[in-house]
Amino acid sequence: MEISFHNNMFSLLLLLLPSLSFSPSAWAACNAVDKEALLGFKRTITADPSRLLQSWISSTDCCTSWKGVACNSVGRVVNVTRSGLVSDDDDLLDTFMNGTLSPSLGNLSYLQLLDLSNLKNLNGPIPPEFGKLRRLTHLFLNSNQLTGSIPATFKHLSRLERLFLNNNHISGIIPFSVIGSLTALTELGLSENQLRGSIPATIGKLVLLTKLDLHANNLSGSLPTTIGKLKSLKYLDLSQNTIKGSIPKSIGGLSALVLLDLNQNQITGSIPSSISGLISLQFCRISENKLTGSLPPSIGHLPSIQRLILENNKLTGKLPATMGHLVTLTELFLSNNRITSKIPSSFSNLQNLQTLDLSRNHLSGELPTELAKLQNLQTLDLSFNPLGLVSIPKWFAKLKLFRLMLAKTGIRGSLPRWLSSTSISTLDLSDNALTGKLPPWIGNMTSLSLLNLSSNGLHSSIPAEFKNLRRLMDLDLHSNKFSGNLDTIFSKGTDDPIGHYNSIDLSDNMFAGPINDSVLQSSAMDSITSLVLSYNLLKGSIPKSIRKLSELRILKVVSNGLSGKIPVELGDAMGLTTILLSRNNLMGSIPGKVINLNELKEFDVSHNQLRGEIPPHKAIIPVSSFIGNPGLCGAPLPPCERS
């Protein structure tokens, strides 16, 4: 979930703004110092495939003839815009330049706007001479390959309103003196660099700041308490750093804040009760940290919140009943915490809720029937909670769910028939105690794209009606007692362009018979990437038609009764990274084409009846992958005996 405060389209918009210059009839000739400063920059450019600087010729006037340059009435350059996103005759050109930033640009003493963003390949440091641009209000150098540190001379840019250096390779610390001096800043983007150290406490002086984006750096230290002084701040993204310490109580002072993203840090402590002061907050993500303690009841007083994402922490205690006041909430993610007790019945008031993910907690007790009121709910994930459901509550049939995940929630018995009349596309009931047959009405669940019934006690063959699952793309039935052949699964229908398998896992069942050559050529199988059939009763040879599975990456058919040779055609599945065929009755030699697949990382043919010399191969394959084949020899096994 990437949040960006200065996207590439900004440069395009600048080109469409009214010119900062006056009428041509009022212009003075281009100032000689300014012209030479621009030509100095042009000389440092080593590649300009779209000829962005072609019009910059010393014999012409830089104010009237040079593209991307605008002047004031006395011939001083005030605007230089040569972005890698260029608008030309209603088309958008995405281009680049090679080269460096010339110190001569620091001589443009009247410059107000400099946009050299999205040129992709501008490299080297930002010249300290840029600190001389005292009139500069907008500086866009984002999306290049710039290195070095933020120049200390930037502290002189007291008129700067927007500064974007994001998506470069800038390193070092964020200078305290610079941040404290840029008091006119409204937007600051330093994300996707290699900045380290703490966020300067002087950030609190930037009282006009509305956007602060420092995500994807190496920032550490704690959040400065002075951040609470930024009363105008609307967007704050500090995600993907290594920030430690707790969330300061002062954060409650950010009453204008719309977006708060602290994802993927090392923040500890509890969520302060002052969070209720974030009355404008719509998006809050503090996931993948080390938060502890209970959710404060005050979290129920966020009148504008739409998305609340607190997953992957160490939160404990009960879910506050006050969360039922969050009537604007559309998504709630609290998975992988240590939250206990019941789901409050007040959650039934969340009428706009579309996603509720409480998986991987310690929730227990009966689910409140009032949750049937959540008619906008599309995704419900309660997996891996000790709910002791026994059966899926019948009132679930009143919901209009697309995705239902109830893995390891204590469900027993047979699949409830009301599922057949739903539009569920993702159904995960794995790790329960389901028993009985896979019912024929499963074929009525024609919206299914993912079905996971693994680790249950289901038995029987796959019903013929399974072929009606024309949208099914991911199937996991491993660790059950299913039997019969695989034809029905492999030859199911498709609903182009969907319904072609991505993955199938049928391992640890009792499927029997051969893998028929023809079913591997069905349209449902033509884009499969992972096929896992281990620990069944399959017999016969590996079909040569496996060569048709051009997208296959993982093939696991361990511990079956396969016989015959390893087909050389397996080497035509060029993307294979994993081939596990151990504990079968395979004979013959190992095809060199197979063991030398370019992407191969894992290969195991141990405990078969293979013979001959192991072909020379590039992949690092341990001895254990070949043992149990008395007729095999050659590295990494002992060398073959030469007669």
Foldseek 3Di string as FASTA:
>chain_A
DDDDDDDPCVLVVVVVDPAPEDDPVLADFADPLQLVLVVQQVVQWPDDPVPQAVQSDPVDTCCPGTPQWHDYSHNQTATHRRELFDQDPNDTHREAIAGEGGLSNLSSQNYAEDAHENNAEHEEEDDLSVLNNQNYAYYHHDNYAYEEEDRPSLLSNQNHAEDAHEHYAYEEEDDLSNLLRNQNYQEYHHDHYAYEEEDHLSVLSNQNHAYDHHEHYAYEEEDHLSVLNNQNHAYDAHDHYAYEEEDDLSVLSNCNHAEAHHHQYAYEEADDLSVLSNQNYAYHANANYAYEEEHDLSVLNRARYAEHHHDHYAYEEEDHLSVLNNLNYAEYHHEQYAYEEEDDLSVLSNQNHAYDAHDHYAYEDDHDLSVLSNQNHAEYAHAHYQHLPCDDDPSVLSHQYQAYHHAPNAHEEAHDPSLLVHQHAHYHHDNYAYEEEPDLSVLSNQNHQEDHHAHYAYEEEDDLSLLSNQQHAYYHHYHYAYEEACQSVLQRHHDPPGRAHQEYAHEHYAYEEEDDQVSCVHRSNQAYAYYHHAHYAYEEEDHLSCLSNQNHAYDHHEAYAYEEADDLSPLSNLNHQEDHHDNYAYEEEDDPSNQARPNHAYAAHAQYQYADEHDDYDHDYDPRRHHNHVRYAYPPHHHDDDD
